[in-house]
């Protein structure tokens, strides 16, 4: 049996993960400072990045299943 080597994440995946982490951090800090508009906008950005990451993941699984 061949051990499976995990694939390296692409640059897009790394950047998207970084944006998601940054947006969540900014949202928490802004809300703690009672800067509601900035906190809500950062939270919305975090939600958007999370949804994009999920859609990219499901699209990648579908393309892998089609290749089999």
PDB file of N, CA and C in Angstrom:
ATOM      1  N   UNK A   1       0.838  -1.185   0.000  1.00  0.00           N
ATOM      2  CA  UNK A   1       0.000   0.000   0.000  1.00  0.00           C
ATOM      3  C   UNK A   1       0.875   1.238   0.000  1.00  0.00           C
ATOM      4  N   UNK A   2       0.523   2.175  -0.840  1.00  0.00           N
ATOM      5  CA  UNK A   2       1.269   3.422  -0.920  1.00  0.00           C
ATOM      6  C   UNK A   2       0.691   4.427   0.066  1.00  0.00           C
ATOM      7  N   UNK A   3       1.550   5.014   0.885  1.00  0.00           N
ATOM      8  CA  UNK A   3       1.032   6.065   1.771  1.00  0.00           C
ATOM      9  C   UNK A   3       0.682   7.301   0.949  1.00  0.00           C
ATOM     10  N   UNK A   4      -0.434   7.922   1.291  1.00  0.00           N
ATOM     11  CA  UNK A   4      -0.859   9.114   0.558  1.00  0.00           C
ATOM     12  C   UNK A   4      -0.098  10.325   1.066  1.00  0.00           C
ATOM     13  N   UNK A   5       0.475  11.050   0.126  1.00  0.00           N
ATOM     14  CA  UNK A   5       1.193  12.277   0.459  1.00  0.00           C
ATOM     15  C   UNK A   5       0.193  13.426   0.369  1.00  0.00           C
ATOM     16  N   UNK A   6       0.038  14.192   1.466  1.00  0.00           N
ATOM     17  CA  UNK A   6      -0.917  15.304   1.398  1.00  0.00           C
ATOM     18  C   UNK A   6      -0.466  16.350   0.387  1.00  0.00           C
ATOM     19  N   UNK A   7      -1.437  16.870  -0.350  1.00  0.00           N
ATOM     20  CA  UNK A   7      -1.132  17.881  -1.365  1.00  0.00           C
ATOM     21  C   UNK A   7      -0.811  19.207  -0.684  1.00  0.00           C
ATOM     22  N   UNK A   8       0.116  19.927  -1.285  1.00  0.00           N
ATOM     23  CA  UNK A   8       0.447  21.256  -0.760  1.00  0.00           C
ATOM     24  C   UNK A   8      -0.692  22.212  -1.082  1.00  0.00           C
ATOM     25  N   UNK A   9      -1.045  23.078  -0.124  1.00  0.00           N
ATOM     26  CA  UNK A   9      -2.108  24.050  -0.433  1.00  0.00           C
ATOM     27  C   UNK A   9      -1.610  25.071  -1.459  1.00  0.00           C
ATOM     28  N   UNK A  10      -2.509  25.483  -2.322  1.00  0.00           N
ATOM     29  CA  UNK A  10      -2.132  26.462  -3.332  1.00  0.00           C
ATOM     30  C   UNK A  10      -1.998  27.843  -2.695  1.00  0.00           C
ATOM     31  N   UNK A  11      -1.410  28.745  -3.430  1.00  0.00           N
ATOM     32  CA  UNK A  11      -1.229  30.113  -2.944  1.00  0.00           C
ATOM     33  C   UNK A  11      -2.579  30.778  -2.688  1.00  0.00           C
ATOM     34  N   UNK A  12      -3.559  30.484  -3.525  1.00  0.00           N
ATOM     35  CA  UNK A  12      -4.895  31.041  -3.329  1.00  0.00           C
ATOM     36  C   UNK A  12      -5.504  30.562  -2.017  1.00  0.00           C
ATOM     37  N   UNK A  13      -5.308  29.286  -1.701  1.00  0.00           N
ATOM     38  CA  UNK A  13      -5.838  28.754  -0.447  1.00  0.00           C
ATOM     39  C   UNK A  13      -5.179  29.424   0.755  1.00  0.00           C
ATOM     40  N   UNK A  14      -3.886  29.636   0.679  1.00  0.00           N
ATOM     41  CA  UNK A  14      -3.158  30.278   1.779  1.00  0.00           C
ATOM     42  C   UNK A  14      -3.621  31.723   1.955  1.00  0.00           C
ATOM     43  N   UNK A  15      -3.757  32.449   0.848  1.00  0.00           N
ATOM     44  CA  UNK A  15      -4.208  33.840   0.927  1.00  0.00           C
ATOM     45  C   UNK A  15      -5.641  33.944   1.440  1.00  0.00           C
ATOM     46  N   UNK A  16      -6.500  33.042   0.993  1.00  0.00           N
ATOM     47  CA  UNK A  16      -7.884  33.061   1.449  1.00  0.00           C
ATOM     48  C   UNK A  16      -7.965  32.760   2.939  1.00  0.00           C
ATOM     49  N   UNK A  17      -7.177  31.809   3.407  1.00  0.00           N
ATOM     50  CA  UNK A  17      -7.150  31.498   4.831  1.00  0.00           C
ATOM     51  C   UNK A  17      -6.630  32.683   5.634  1.00  0.00           C
ATOM     52  N   UNK A  18      -5.605  33.361   5.117  1.00  0.00           N
ATOM     53  CA  UNK A  18      -5.071  34.546   5.794  1.00  0.00           C
ATOM     54  C   UNK A  18      -6.090  35.676   5.871  1.00  0.00           C
ATOM     55  N   UNK A  19      -6.820  35.887   4.780  1.00  0.00           N
ATOM     56  CA  UNK A  19      -7.863  36.915   4.783  1.00  0.00           C
ATOM     57  C   UNK A  19      -8.971  36.580   5.767  1.00  0.00           C
ATOM     58  N   UNK A  20      -9.314  35.299   5.852  1.00  0.00           N
ATOM     59  CA  UNK A  20     -10.366  34.880   6.774  1.00  0.00           C
ATOM     60  C   UNK A  20      -9.943  35.101   8.219  1.00  0.00           C
ATOM     61  N   UNK A  21      -8.713  34.774   8.543  1.00  0.00           N
ATOM     62  CA  UNK A  21      -8.209  34.973   9.899  1.00  0.00           C
ATOM     63  C   UNK A  21      -8.119  36.459  10.227  1.00  0.00           C
ATOM     64  N   UNK A  22      -7.634  37.254   9.275  1.00  0.00           N
ATOM     65  CA  UNK A  22      -7.517  38.698   9.507  1.00  0.00           C
ATOM     66  C   UNK A  22      -8.888  39.345   9.697  1.00  0.00           C
ATOM     67  N   UNK A  23      -9.860  38.947   8.884  1.00  0.00           N
ATOM     68  CA  UNK A  23     -11.199  39.533   8.999  1.00  0.00           C
ATOM     69  C   UNK A  23     -11.840  39.191  10.334  1.00  0.00           C
ATOM     70  N   UNK A  24     -11.663  37.954  10.794  1.00  0.00           N
ATOM     71  CA  UNK A  24     -12.258  37.597  12.083  1.00  0.00           C
ATOM     72  C   UNK A  24     -11.582  38.337  13.229  1.00  0.00           C
ATOM     73  N   UNK A  25     -10.267  38.508  13.135  1.00  0.00           N
ATOM     74  CA  UNK A  25      -9.543  39.240  14.177  1.00  0.00           C
ATOM     75  C   UNK A  25      -9.971  40.705  14.224  1.00  0.00           C
ATOM     76  N   UNK A  26     -10.080  41.322  13.061  1.00  0.00           N
ATOM     77  CA  UNK A  26     -10.498  42.723  12.995  1.00  0.00           C
ATOM     78  C   UNK A  26     -11.918  42.869  13.516  1.00  0.00           C
ATOM     79  N   UNK A  27     -12.801  41.923  13.178  1.00  0.00           N
ATOM     80  CA  UNK A  27     -14.184  41.991  13.645  1.00  0.00           C
ATOM     81  C   UNK A  27     -14.244  41.945  15.164  1.00  0.00           C
ATOM     82  N   UNK A  28     -13.496  41.047  15.776  1.00  0.00           N
ATOM     83  CA  UNK A  28     -13.505  40.935  17.235  1.00  0.00           C
ATOM     84  C   UNK A  28     -12.973  42.207  17.879  1.00  0.00           C
ATOM     85  N   UNK A  29     -11.867  42.705  17.376  1.00  0.00           N
ATOM     86  CA  UNK A  29     -11.262  43.900  17.964  1.00  0.00           C
ATOM     87  C   UNK A  29     -12.190  45.107  17.811  1.00  0.00           C
ATOM     88  N   UNK A  30     -12.755  45.285  16.642  1.00  0.00           N
ATOM     89  CA  UNK A  30     -13.640  46.427  16.420  1.00  0.00           C
ATOM     90  C   UNK A  30     -14.895  46.351  17.289  1.00  0.00           C
ATOM     91  N   UNK A  31     -15.457  45.165  17.426  1.00  0.00           N
ATOM     92  CA  UNK A  31     -16.648  45.033  18.269  1.00  0.00           C
ATOM     93  C   UNK A  31     -16.315  45.259  19.739  1.00  0.00           C
ATOM     94  N   UNK A  32     -15.141  44.814  20.185  1.00  0.00           N
ATOM     95  CA  UNK A  32     -14.741  45.072  21.568  1.00  0.00           C
ATOM     96  C   UNK A  32     -14.507  46.560  21.825  1.00  0.00           C
ATOM     97  N   UNK A  33     -14.104  47.290  20.798  1.00  0.00           N
ATOM     98  CA  UNK A  33     -13.903  48.736  20.928  1.00  0.00           C
ATOM     99  C   UNK A  33     -15.204  49.504  20.746  1.00  0.00           C
ATOM    100  N   UNK A  34     -16.287  48.795  20.520  1.00  0.00           N
ATOM    101  CA  UNK A  34     -17.619  49.377  20.278  1.00  0.00           C
ATOM    102  C   UNK A  34     -17.666  50.205  19.002  1.00  0.00           C
ATOM    103  N   UNK A  35     -16.877  49.822  18.024  1.00  0.00           N
ATOM    104  CA  UNK A  35     -16.951  50.405  16.684  1.00  0.00           C
ATOM    105  C   UNK A  35     -17.831  49.465  15.858  1.00  0.00           C
ATOM    106  N   UNK A  36     -19.138  49.682  15.979  1.00  0.00           N
ATOM    107  CA  UNK A  36     -20.096  48.726  15.461  1.00  0.00           C
ATOM    108  C   UNK A  36     -20.042  48.579  13.948  1.00  0.00           C
ATOM    109  N   UNK A  37     -19.944  49.678  13.234  1.00  0.00           N
ATOM    110  CA  UNK A  37     -19.978  49.567  11.767  1.00  0.00           C
ATOM    111  C   UNK A  37     -18.759  48.813  11.238  1.00  0.00           C
ATOM    112  N   UNK A  38     -17.583  49.123  11.771  1.00  0.00           N
ATOM    113  CA  UNK A  38     -16.376  48.414  11.334  1.00  0.00           C
ATOM    114  C   UNK A  38     -16.410  46.947  11.720  1.00  0.00           C
ATOM    115  N   UNK A  39     -16.924  46.663  12.916  1.00  0.00           N
ATOM    116  CA  UNK A  39     -17.021  45.280  13.367  1.00  0.00           C
ATOM    117  C   UNK A  39     -17.990  44.467  12.539  1.00  0.00           C
ATOM    118  N   UNK A  40     -19.132  45.053  12.216  1.00  0.00           N
ATOM    119  CA  UNK A  40     -20.127  44.339  11.413  1.00  0.00           C
ATOM    120  C   UNK A  40     -19.605  44.125   9.994  1.00  0.00           C
ATOM    121  N   UNK A  41     -18.952  45.116   9.435  1.00  0.00           N
ATOM    122  CA  UNK A  41     -18.411  44.953   8.077  1.00  0.00           C
ATOM    123  C   UNK A  41     -17.312  43.889   8.038  1.00  0.00           C
ATOM    124  N   UNK A  42     -16.460  43.866   9.044  1.00  0.00           N
ATOM    125  CA  UNK A  42     -15.413  42.844   9.099  1.00  0.00           C
ATOM    126  C   UNK A  42     -16.022  41.459   9.304  1.00  0.00           C
ATOM    127  N   UNK A  43     -17.084  41.369  10.110  1.00  0.00           N
ATOM    128  CA  UNK A  43     -17.756  40.092  10.305  1.00  0.00           C
ATOM    129  C   UNK A  43     -18.404  39.613   9.006  1.00  0.00           C
ATOM    130  N   UNK A  44     -18.962  40.545   8.243  1.00  0.00           N
ATOM    131  CA  UNK A  44     -19.537  40.177   6.953  1.00  0.00           C
ATOM    132  C   UNK A  44     -18.451  39.710   5.981  1.00  0.00           C
ATOM    133  N   UNK A  45     -17.295  40.359   6.024  1.00  0.00           N
ATOM    134  CA  UNK A  45     -16.177  39.930   5.180  1.00  0.00           C
ATOM    135  C   UNK A  45     -15.725  38.525   5.577  1.00  0.00           C
ATOM    136  N   UNK A  46     -15.660  38.266   6.888  1.00  0.00           N
ATOM    137  CA  UNK A  46     -15.279  36.937   7.366  1.00  0.00           C
ATOM    138  C   UNK A  46     -16.269  35.893   6.863  1.00  0.00           C
ATOM    139  N   UNK A  47     -17.565  36.208   6.943  1.00  0.00           N
ATOM    140  CA  UNK A  47     -18.592  35.280   6.477  1.00  0.00           C
ATOM    141  C   UNK A  47     -18.453  35.015   4.978  1.00  0.00           C
ATOM    142  N   UNK A  48     -18.181  36.050   4.213  1.00  0.00           N
ATOM    143  CA  UNK A  48     -17.992  35.901   2.773  1.00  0.00           C
ATOM    144  C   UNK A  48     -16.792  35.010   2.471  1.00  0.00           C
ATOM    145  N   UNK A  49     -15.663  35.252   3.135  1.00  0.00           N
ATOM    146  CA  UNK A  49     -14.464  34.445   2.904  1.00  0.00           C
ATOM    147  C   UNK A  49     -14.700  32.989   3.303  1.00  0.00           C
ATOM    148  N   UNK A  50     -15.465  32.769   4.369  1.00  0.00           N
ATOM    149  CA  UNK A  50     -15.765  31.411   4.799  1.00  0.00           C
ATOM    150  C   UNK A  50     -16.608  30.688   3.760  1.00  0.00           C
ATOM    151  N   UNK A  51     -17.605  31.377   3.203  1.00  0.00           N
ATOM    152  CA  UNK A  51     -18.458  30.759   2.195  1.00  0.00           C
ATOM    153  C   UNK A  51     -17.678  30.461   0.912  1.00  0.00           C
ATOM    154  N   UNK A  52     -16.800  31.373   0.520  1.00  0.00           N
ATOM    155  CA  UNK A  52     -15.985  31.153  -0.678  1.00  0.00           C
ATOM    156  C   UNK A  52     -15.078  29.947  -0.464  1.00  0.00           C
ATOM    157  N   UNK A  53     -14.500  29.829   0.723  1.00  0.00           N
ATOM    158  CA  UNK A  53     -13.622  28.698   1.006  1.00  0.00           C
ATOM    159  C   UNK A  53     -14.397  27.384   0.965  1.00  0.00           C
ATOM    160  N   UNK A  54     -15.609  27.369   1.492  1.00  0.00           N
ATOM    161  CA  UNK A  54     -16.436  26.154   1.449  1.00  0.00           C
ATOM    162  C   UNK A  54     -16.800  25.795   0.012  1.00  0.00           C
ATOM    163  N   UNK A  55     -17.170  26.796  -0.790  1.00  0.00           N
ATOM    164  CA  UNK A  55     -17.538  26.529  -2.173  1.00  0.00           C
ATOM    165  C   UNK A  55     -16.350  26.023  -2.983  1.00  0.00           C
ATOM    166  N   UNK A  56     -15.181  26.574  -2.727  1.00  0.00           N
ATOM    167  CA  UNK A  56     -13.981  26.102  -3.426  1.00  0.00           C
ATOM    168  C   UNK A  56     -13.668  24.669  -3.039  1.00  0.00           C
ATOM    169  N   UNK A  57     -13.877  24.334  -1.761  1.00  0.00           N
ATOM    170  CA  UNK A  57     -13.616  22.978  -1.302  1.00  0.00           C
ATOM    171  C   UNK A  57     -14.572  21.977  -1.914  1.00  0.00           C
ATOM    172  N   UNK A  58     -15.853  22.317  -1.977  1.00  0.00           N
ATOM    173  CA  UNK A  58     -16.828  21.391  -2.552  1.00  0.00           C
ATOM    174  C   UNK A  58     -16.638  21.274  -4.060  1.00  0.00           C
ATOM    175  N   UNK A  59     -16.225  22.339  -4.712  1.00  0.00           N
ATOM    176  CA  UNK A  59     -15.968  22.277  -6.150  1.00  0.00           C
ATOM    177  C   UNK A  59     -14.753  21.397  -6.422  1.00  0.00           C
ATOM    178  N   UNK A  60     -13.748  21.464  -5.547  1.00  0.00           N
ATOM    179  CA  UNK A  60     -12.571  20.616  -5.713  1.00  0.00           C
ATOM    180  C   UNK A  60     -12.886  19.155  -5.512  1.00  0.00           C
ATOM    181  N   UNK A  61     -13.772  18.840  -4.556  1.00  0.00           N
ATOM    182  CA  UNK A  61     -14.164  17.451  -4.330  1.00  0.00           C
ATOM    183  C   UNK A  61     -14.952  16.931  -5.518  1.00  0.00           C
ATOM    184  N   UNK A  62     -15.823  17.760  -6.095  1.00  0.00           N
ATOM    185  CA  UNK A  62     -16.611  17.329  -7.247  1.00  0.00           C
ATOM    186  C   UNK A  62     -15.726  17.048  -8.446  1.00  0.00           C
ATOM    187  N   UNK A  63     -14.702  17.850  -8.668  1.00  0.00           N
ATOM    188  CA  UNK A  63     -13.825  17.630  -9.815  1.00  0.00           C
ATOM    189  C   UNK A  63     -12.961  16.397  -9.601  1.00  0.00           C
ATOM    190  N   UNK A  64     -12.576  16.097  -8.357  1.00  0.00           N
ATOM    191  CA  UNK A  64     -11.792  14.897  -8.070  1.00  0.00           C
ATOM    192  C   UNK A  64     -12.649  13.654  -8.274  1.00  0.00           C
ATOM    193  N   UNK A  65     -13.913  13.699  -7.871  1.00  0.00           N
ATOM    194  CA  UNK A  65     -14.805  12.568  -8.056  1.00  0.00           C
ATOM    195  C   UNK A  65     -15.098  12.332  -9.524  1.00  0.00           C
ATOM    196  N   UNK A  66     -15.139  13.366 -10.331  1.00  0.00           N
ATOM    197  CA  UNK A  66     -15.407  13.227 -11.758  1.00  0.00           C
ATOM    198  C   UNK A  66     -14.220  12.595 -12.477  1.00  0.00           C
ATOM    199  N   UNK A  67     -13.009  12.811 -11.955  1.00  0.00           N
ATOM    200  CA  UNK A  67     -11.807  12.270 -12.595  1.00  0.00           C
ATOM    201  C   UNK A  67     -11.623  10.781 -12.310  1.00  0.00           C
ATOM    202  N   UNK A  68     -12.334  10.241 -11.351  1.00  0.00           N
ATOM    203  CA  UNK A  68     -12.144   8.821 -10.980  1.00  0.00           C
ATOM    204  C   UNK A  68     -12.873   7.905 -11.890  1.00  0.00           C
TER     205      UNK A  68
END
